[in-house]
């Protein structure tokens, strides 16, 4: 087996593992979703055009990954949905664990993710349905 084929298999394996962890991260409060999805896109881009196109065109994840990679932006509904789900799961975890050190850690993670989500640009739609990039009060047509 050639080095090129081994590299392709390795990248597809890492990309698939990252995709699985990213999917789990959508439901587990401490496991980050975005870095794993971006790693998956990176690995697929360098190993399999078919898997990369599948990921970018995925009905649930595709637009999210594309917008993040292209514009470093998310939609308002994605931001608030992520924040709601993040803090609900963090609070439930804090109530179940009841360990001060872990509670402090979970609060720090929540604050860090919240800051990151608000630091991203916002994608909205104008009256005609076109995507508009909003950052620091300025609107820019995409």
N, C-alpha and C. Protein backbone atom coordinates (compact mmCIF):
# COMPACT_ATOMS: atom_id res chain seq x y z
N UNK A 1 0.85 -1.18 0.00
CA UNK A 1 0.00 0.00 0.00
C UNK A 1 0.89 1.24 0.00
N UNK A 2 0.56 2.22 -0.83
CA UNK A 2 1.38 3.41 -0.97
C UNK A 2 1.16 4.38 0.20
N UNK A 3 2.12 5.29 0.35
CA UNK A 3 2.02 6.31 1.38
C UNK A 3 0.79 7.19 1.16
N UNK A 4 0.52 7.48 -0.09
CA UNK A 4 -0.63 8.33 -0.43
C UNK A 4 -1.94 7.68 0.02
N UNK A 5 -2.08 6.39 -0.20
CA UNK A 5 -3.29 5.67 0.18
C UNK A 5 -3.41 5.60 1.71
N UNK A 6 -2.29 5.36 2.40
CA UNK A 6 -2.30 5.34 3.86
C UNK A 6 -2.71 6.70 4.43
N UNK A 7 -2.19 7.77 3.82
CA UNK A 7 -2.53 9.12 4.26
C UNK A 7 -4.03 9.38 4.06
N UNK A 8 -4.56 8.94 2.93
CA UNK A 8 -5.99 9.12 2.64
C UNK A 8 -6.84 8.37 3.66
N UNK A 9 -6.50 7.13 3.94
CA UNK A 9 -7.23 6.32 4.93
C UNK A 9 -7.14 6.96 6.31
N UNK A 10 -5.95 7.43 6.68
CA UNK A 10 -5.75 8.08 7.97
C UNK A 10 -6.63 9.33 8.09
N UNK A 11 -6.61 10.19 7.07
CA UNK A 11 -7.40 11.42 7.11
C UNK A 11 -8.91 11.15 7.14
N UNK A 12 -9.35 10.15 6.39
CA UNK A 12 -10.78 9.80 6.41
C UNK A 12 -11.17 9.27 7.79
N UNK A 13 -10.30 8.48 8.39
CA UNK A 13 -10.57 7.93 9.73
C UNK A 13 -10.63 9.06 10.76
N UNK A 14 -9.66 9.95 10.74
CA UNK A 14 -9.64 11.08 11.68
C UNK A 14 -10.85 11.99 11.43
N UNK A 15 -11.15 12.25 10.17
CA UNK A 15 -12.30 13.08 9.83
C UNK A 15 -13.61 12.48 10.31
N UNK A 16 -13.75 11.18 10.17
CA UNK A 16 -14.98 10.51 10.61
C UNK A 16 -15.08 10.48 12.12
N UNK A 17 -13.97 10.26 12.80
CA UNK A 17 -13.95 10.30 14.26
C UNK A 17 -14.29 11.71 14.75
N UNK A 18 -13.72 12.73 14.10
CA UNK A 18 -14.00 14.12 14.47
C UNK A 18 -15.48 14.45 14.24
N UNK A 19 -16.04 13.94 13.15
CA UNK A 19 -17.45 14.16 12.86
C UNK A 19 -18.33 13.54 13.95
N UNK A 20 -17.99 12.33 14.36
CA UNK A 20 -18.75 11.66 15.43
C UNK A 20 -18.65 12.44 16.74
N UNK A 21 -17.44 12.90 17.08
CA UNK A 21 -17.26 13.68 18.31
C UNK A 21 -17.99 15.03 18.21
N UNK A 22 -17.97 15.63 17.04
CA UNK A 22 -18.70 16.88 16.83
C UNK A 22 -20.20 16.69 17.00
N UNK A 23 -20.70 15.58 16.50
CA UNK A 23 -22.13 15.27 16.67
C UNK A 23 -22.46 15.07 18.15
N UNK A 24 -21.61 14.33 18.85
CA UNK A 24 -21.81 14.14 20.30
C UNK A 24 -21.71 15.47 21.05
N UNK A 25 -20.82 16.34 20.58
CA UNK A 25 -20.64 17.64 21.21
C UNK A 25 -21.88 18.51 21.15
N UNK A 26 -22.76 18.23 20.20
CA UNK A 26 -24.02 18.98 20.12
C UNK A 26 -24.93 18.65 21.30
N UNK A 27 -24.68 17.50 21.94
CA UNK A 27 -25.54 17.06 23.04
C UNK A 27 -24.86 17.03 24.40
N UNK A 28 -23.54 17.07 24.40
CA UNK A 28 -22.78 17.05 25.66
C UNK A 28 -22.19 18.43 25.91
N UNK A 29 -22.41 18.99 27.09
CA UNK A 29 -22.05 20.39 27.33
C UNK A 29 -20.57 20.74 27.27
N UNK A 30 -19.68 19.84 27.61
CA UNK A 30 -18.26 20.19 27.67
C UNK A 30 -17.54 19.85 26.37
N UNK A 31 -18.08 18.96 25.57
CA UNK A 31 -17.46 18.55 24.32
C UNK A 31 -17.80 19.56 23.22
N UNK A 32 -16.80 20.23 22.65
CA UNK A 32 -17.09 21.28 21.66
C UNK A 32 -17.51 20.69 20.31
N UNK A 33 -18.47 21.31 19.68
CA UNK A 33 -18.96 20.84 18.38
C UNK A 33 -18.14 21.42 17.23
N UNK A 34 -18.01 22.72 17.21
CA UNK A 34 -17.41 23.41 16.07
C UNK A 34 -15.99 22.96 15.74
N UNK A 35 -15.06 22.87 16.70
CA UNK A 35 -13.71 22.45 16.33
C UNK A 35 -13.66 21.06 15.70
N UNK A 36 -14.49 20.16 16.19
CA UNK A 36 -14.50 18.81 15.62
C UNK A 36 -15.09 18.80 14.21
N UNK A 37 -16.13 19.59 13.98
CA UNK A 37 -16.71 19.67 12.64
C UNK A 37 -15.73 20.32 11.66
N UNK A 38 -15.00 21.33 12.12
CA UNK A 38 -13.99 21.96 11.26
C UNK A 38 -12.84 21.00 10.96
N UNK A 39 -12.42 20.23 11.96
CA UNK A 39 -11.38 19.22 11.74
C UNK A 39 -11.86 18.18 10.74
N UNK A 40 -13.10 17.79 10.86
CA UNK A 40 -13.67 16.83 9.92
C UNK A 40 -13.66 17.39 8.50
N UNK A 41 -14.07 18.63 8.34
CA UNK A 41 -14.07 19.26 7.01
C UNK A 41 -12.65 19.33 6.46
N UNK A 42 -11.67 19.70 7.30
CA UNK A 42 -10.28 19.77 6.89
C UNK A 42 -9.77 18.41 6.39
N UNK A 43 -10.03 17.37 7.18
CA UNK A 43 -9.56 16.02 6.83
C UNK A 43 -10.24 15.53 5.55
N UNK A 44 -11.53 15.74 5.43
CA UNK A 44 -12.25 15.30 4.23
C UNK A 44 -11.79 16.08 3.01
N UNK A 45 -11.53 17.37 3.16
CA UNK A 45 -11.09 18.19 2.03
C UNK A 45 -9.77 17.67 1.46
N UNK A 46 -8.89 17.17 2.34
CA UNK A 46 -7.58 16.71 1.90
C UNK A 46 -7.52 15.21 1.58
N UNK A 47 -8.65 14.52 1.74
CA UNK A 47 -8.61 13.08 1.48
C UNK A 47 -9.70 12.59 0.53
N UNK A 48 -10.87 13.20 0.57
CA UNK A 48 -11.99 12.70 -0.23
C UNK A 48 -12.93 13.84 -0.61
N UNK A 49 -12.90 14.20 -1.87
CA UNK A 49 -13.78 15.26 -2.35
C UNK A 49 -15.25 14.87 -2.15
N UNK A 50 -15.53 13.59 -2.32
CA UNK A 50 -16.91 13.10 -2.15
C UNK A 50 -17.40 13.30 -0.71
N UNK A 51 -16.59 12.93 0.28
CA UNK A 51 -16.98 13.11 1.68
C UNK A 51 -17.06 14.59 2.06
N UNK A 52 -16.14 15.40 1.51
CA UNK A 52 -16.18 16.84 1.80
C UNK A 52 -17.47 17.45 1.25
N UNK A 53 -17.82 17.12 0.00
CA UNK A 53 -19.06 17.64 -0.59
C UNK A 53 -20.27 17.16 0.20
N UNK A 54 -20.24 15.90 0.66
CA UNK A 54 -21.34 15.37 1.47
C UNK A 54 -21.50 16.18 2.76
N UNK A 55 -20.37 16.48 3.41
CA UNK A 55 -20.40 17.22 4.66
C UNK A 55 -20.89 18.66 4.45
N UNK A 56 -20.34 19.34 3.45
CA UNK A 56 -20.72 20.73 3.19
C UNK A 56 -22.17 20.83 2.72
N UNK A 57 -22.69 19.81 2.07
CA UNK A 57 -24.07 19.83 1.59
C UNK A 57 -25.04 19.11 2.52
N UNK A 58 -24.56 18.69 3.68
CA UNK A 58 -25.42 17.99 4.64
C UNK A 58 -26.56 18.92 5.07
N UNK A 59 -27.80 18.42 5.13
CA UNK A 59 -28.93 19.30 5.46
C UNK A 59 -28.87 19.94 6.84
N UNK A 60 -28.26 19.29 7.83
CA UNK A 60 -28.18 19.87 9.17
C UNK A 60 -26.86 20.59 9.43
N UNK A 61 -25.77 20.04 8.98
CA UNK A 61 -24.45 20.57 9.32
C UNK A 61 -23.82 21.42 8.23
N UNK A 62 -24.21 21.22 6.99
CA UNK A 62 -23.53 21.84 5.86
C UNK A 62 -23.49 23.35 5.90
N UNK A 63 -24.63 23.99 6.04
CA UNK A 63 -24.68 25.46 6.03
C UNK A 63 -23.90 26.02 7.22
N UNK A 64 -24.02 25.36 8.37
CA UNK A 64 -23.32 25.79 9.58
C UNK A 64 -21.81 25.80 9.34
N UNK A 65 -21.29 24.70 8.80
CA UNK A 65 -19.85 24.58 8.55
C UNK A 65 -19.41 25.57 7.47
N UNK A 66 -20.16 25.64 6.38
CA UNK A 66 -19.81 26.54 5.27
C UNK A 66 -19.78 28.00 5.74
N UNK A 67 -20.81 28.42 6.45
CA UNK A 67 -20.87 29.81 6.94
C UNK A 67 -19.74 30.12 7.90
N UNK A 68 -19.41 29.16 8.75
CA UNK A 68 -18.32 29.37 9.70
C UNK A 68 -16.98 29.48 8.97
N UNK A 69 -16.74 28.57 8.02
CA UNK A 69 -15.47 28.58 7.29
C UNK A 69 -15.36 29.80 6.37
N UNK A 70 -16.44 30.15 5.70
CA UNK A 70 -16.40 31.21 4.70
C UNK A 70 -16.48 32.60 5.30
N UNK A 71 -17.42 32.81 6.22
CA UNK A 71 -17.69 34.14 6.74
C UNK A 71 -17.33 34.32 8.21
N UNK A 72 -16.97 33.25 8.87
CA UNK A 72 -16.77 33.26 10.34
C UNK A 72 -18.01 33.85 11.00
N UNK A 73 -19.16 33.30 10.58
CA UNK A 73 -20.45 33.85 11.01
C UNK A 73 -21.45 32.71 11.22
N UNK A 74 -22.46 33.00 12.04
CA UNK A 74 -23.57 32.07 12.26
C UNK A 74 -24.87 32.87 12.23
N UNK A 75 -25.97 32.16 12.04
CA UNK A 75 -27.26 32.84 12.07
C UNK A 75 -27.64 33.16 13.51
N UNK A 76 -28.52 34.12 13.65
CA UNK A 76 -28.99 34.51 14.98
C UNK A 76 -29.66 33.33 15.69
N UNK A 77 -30.47 32.58 14.95
CA UNK A 77 -31.18 31.44 15.56
C UNK A 77 -30.20 30.35 16.01
N UNK A 78 -29.13 30.14 15.24
CA UNK A 78 -28.11 29.16 15.64
C UNK A 78 -27.43 29.60 16.93
N UNK A 79 -27.09 30.90 17.00
CA UNK A 79 -26.43 31.43 18.19
C UNK A 79 -27.30 31.23 19.44
N UNK A 80 -28.55 31.67 19.36
CA UNK A 80 -29.41 31.60 20.55
C UNK A 80 -29.83 30.17 20.88
N UNK A 81 -30.00 29.35 19.86
CA UNK A 81 -30.30 27.94 20.11
C UNK A 81 -29.14 27.24 20.80
N UNK A 82 -27.91 27.53 20.33
CA UNK A 82 -26.72 26.94 20.95
C UNK A 82 -26.55 27.42 22.38
N UNK A 83 -26.78 28.71 22.60
CA UNK A 83 -26.65 29.25 23.96
C UNK A 83 -27.69 28.65 24.90
N UNK A 84 -28.91 28.53 24.43
CA UNK A 84 -29.97 27.94 25.26
C UNK A 84 -29.62 26.50 25.62
N UNK A 85 -29.28 25.71 24.62
CA UNK A 85 -28.97 24.30 24.86
C UNK A 85 -27.72 24.16 25.74
N UNK A 86 -26.71 24.99 25.49
CA UNK A 86 -25.48 24.96 26.29
C UNK A 86 -25.78 25.19 27.76
N UNK A 87 -26.48 26.27 28.07
CA UNK A 87 -26.70 26.62 29.47
C UNK A 87 -27.68 25.68 30.16
N UNK A 88 -28.66 25.16 29.44
CA UNK A 88 -29.57 24.18 30.04
C UNK A 88 -28.80 22.92 30.42
N UNK A 89 -27.97 22.42 29.50
CA UNK A 89 -27.22 21.20 29.81
C UNK A 89 -26.16 21.44 30.88
N UNK A 90 -25.54 22.63 30.87
CA UNK A 90 -24.56 22.94 31.92
C UNK A 90 -25.22 23.01 33.29
N UNK A 91 -26.37 23.65 33.37
CA UNK A 91 -27.07 23.76 34.66
C UNK A 91 -27.52 22.39 35.15
N UNK A 92 -28.03 21.56 34.25
CA UNK A 92 -28.41 20.19 34.64
C UNK A 92 -27.19 19.43 35.14
N UNK A 93 -26.07 19.57 34.43
CA UNK A 93 -24.83 18.90 34.85
C UNK A 93 -24.38 19.38 36.22
N UNK A 94 -24.47 20.68 36.46
CA UNK A 94 -24.07 21.24 37.76
C UNK A 94 -24.94 20.70 38.89
N UNK A 95 -26.23 20.57 38.63
CA UNK A 95 -27.14 20.06 39.65
C UNK A 95 -26.88 18.58 39.94
N UNK A 96 -26.54 17.83 38.91
CA UNK A 96 -26.30 16.39 39.08
C UNK A 96 -24.96 16.14 39.75
N UNK A 97 -23.94 16.87 39.35
CA UNK A 97 -22.59 16.63 39.86
C UNK A 97 -22.40 17.15 41.28
N UNK A 98 -22.81 18.37 41.54
CA UNK A 98 -22.72 19.00 42.87
C UNK A 98 -21.30 18.99 43.45
N UNK A 99 -20.30 19.19 42.60
CA UNK A 99 -18.91 19.30 43.03
C UNK A 99 -18.44 20.71 42.67
N UNK A 100 -18.01 21.48 43.68
CA UNK A 100 -17.68 22.89 43.47
C UNK A 100 -16.65 23.10 42.38
N UNK A 101 -15.58 22.29 42.34
CA UNK A 101 -14.54 22.47 41.33
C UNK A 101 -15.09 22.23 39.92
N UNK A 102 -15.90 21.20 39.77
CA UNK A 102 -16.48 20.92 38.46
C UNK A 102 -17.51 21.98 38.07
N UNK A 103 -18.24 22.49 39.03
CA UNK A 103 -19.21 23.55 38.75
C UNK A 103 -18.49 24.81 38.26
N UNK A 104 -17.38 25.15 38.90
CA UNK A 104 -16.59 26.30 38.47
C UNK A 104 -16.05 26.07 37.05
N UNK A 105 -15.58 24.86 36.78
CA UNK A 105 -15.09 24.52 35.45
C UNK A 105 -16.20 24.65 34.41
N UNK A 106 -17.38 24.12 34.71
CA UNK A 106 -18.50 24.19 33.77
C UNK A 106 -18.94 25.64 33.52
N UNK A 107 -18.93 26.45 34.55
CA UNK A 107 -19.26 27.87 34.38
C UNK A 107 -18.23 28.55 33.48
N UNK A 108 -16.95 28.24 33.69
CA UNK A 108 -15.89 28.82 32.86
C UNK A 108 -16.05 28.39 31.39
N UNK A 109 -16.36 27.12 31.16
CA UNK A 109 -16.60 26.64 29.80
C UNK A 109 -17.78 27.38 29.18
N UNK A 110 -18.86 27.50 29.95
CA UNK A 110 -20.06 28.19 29.46
C UNK A 110 -19.78 29.64 29.10
N UNK A 111 -19.03 30.33 29.94
CA UNK A 111 -18.69 31.73 29.66
C UNK A 111 -17.81 31.83 28.42
N UNK A 112 -16.83 30.93 28.31
CA UNK A 112 -15.95 30.93 27.13
C UNK A 112 -16.71 30.70 25.84
N UNK A 113 -17.59 29.72 25.83
CA UNK A 113 -18.38 29.43 24.63
C UNK A 113 -19.32 30.59 24.31
N UNK A 114 -19.93 31.17 25.34
CA UNK A 114 -20.83 32.31 25.14
C UNK A 114 -20.08 33.48 24.51
N UNK A 115 -18.90 33.79 25.02
CA UNK A 115 -18.09 34.87 24.46
C UNK A 115 -17.75 34.58 23.00
N UNK A 116 -17.35 33.34 22.73
CA UNK A 116 -17.01 32.96 21.35
C UNK A 116 -18.21 33.13 20.43
N UNK A 117 -19.39 32.68 20.85
CA UNK A 117 -20.57 32.79 20.00
C UNK A 117 -20.95 34.24 19.72
N UNK A 118 -20.79 35.10 20.70
CA UNK A 118 -21.11 36.51 20.48
C UNK A 118 -20.02 37.24 19.70
N UNK A 119 -18.81 36.68 19.66
CA UNK A 119 -17.72 37.30 18.89
C UNK A 119 -17.87 37.03 17.40
N UNK A 120 -18.63 35.99 17.04
CA UNK A 120 -18.83 35.67 15.63
C UNK A 120 -19.76 36.68 14.97
N UNK A 121 -19.57 36.88 13.67
CA UNK A 121 -20.46 37.74 12.91
C UNK A 121 -21.83 37.06 12.80
N UNK A 122 -22.83 37.84 12.45
CA UNK A 122 -24.20 37.33 12.36
C UNK A 122 -24.64 37.32 10.90
N UNK A 123 -25.27 36.23 10.49
CA UNK A 123 -25.88 36.14 9.17
C UNK A 123 -27.39 36.31 9.32
N UNK A 124 -27.95 37.26 8.58
CA UNK A 124 -29.39 37.49 8.57
C UNK A 124 -29.86 37.49 7.12
N UNK A 125 -31.15 37.60 6.94
CA UNK A 125 -31.71 37.74 5.59
C UNK A 125 -32.40 39.10 5.51
N UNK A 126 -32.25 39.76 4.36
CA UNK A 126 -32.95 41.03 4.18
C UNK A 126 -34.38 40.76 3.69
N UNK A 127 -35.12 41.82 3.36
CA UNK A 127 -36.52 41.67 2.95
C UNK A 127 -36.69 40.79 1.71
N UNK A 128 -35.70 40.79 0.84
CA UNK A 128 -35.79 39.99 -0.39
C UNK A 128 -35.27 38.57 -0.19
N UNK A 129 -34.83 38.24 1.01
CA UNK A 129 -34.38 36.88 1.30
C UNK A 129 -32.90 36.64 1.06
N UNK A 130 -32.15 37.68 0.66
CA UNK A 130 -30.72 37.52 0.44
C UNK A 130 -29.97 37.51 1.77
N UNK A 131 -28.87 36.77 1.81
CA UNK A 131 -28.06 36.73 3.04
C UNK A 131 -27.32 38.04 3.24
N UNK A 132 -27.34 38.51 4.48
CA UNK A 132 -26.65 39.73 4.87
C UNK A 132 -25.75 39.42 6.05
N UNK A 133 -24.50 39.84 5.95
CA UNK A 133 -23.54 39.66 7.03
C UNK A 133 -23.59 40.88 7.92
N UNK A 134 -23.86 40.70 9.20
CA UNK A 134 -23.96 41.81 10.15
C UNK A 134 -22.81 41.71 11.14
N UNK A 135 -22.05 42.79 11.24
CA UNK A 135 -20.94 42.81 12.20
C UNK A 135 -20.75 44.24 12.69
N UNK A 136 -20.81 44.41 13.99
CA UNK A 136 -20.65 45.71 14.64
C UNK A 136 -21.60 46.75 14.05
N UNK A 137 -22.84 46.36 13.83
CA UNK A 137 -23.86 47.27 13.36
C UNK A 137 -23.87 47.53 11.86
N UNK A 138 -22.86 47.08 11.14
CA UNK A 138 -22.79 47.25 9.69
C UNK A 138 -23.36 46.04 8.99
N UNK A 139 -24.11 46.27 7.93
CA UNK A 139 -24.66 45.19 7.12
C UNK A 139 -23.95 45.13 5.78
N UNK A 140 -23.62 43.92 5.38
CA UNK A 140 -22.91 43.72 4.12
C UNK A 140 -23.58 42.59 3.35
N UNK A 141 -24.00 42.88 2.13
CA UNK A 141 -24.65 41.86 1.30
C UNK A 141 -23.65 40.80 0.89
N UNK A 142 -24.06 39.56 0.91
CA UNK A 142 -23.17 38.46 0.53
C UNK A 142 -23.49 38.04 -0.89
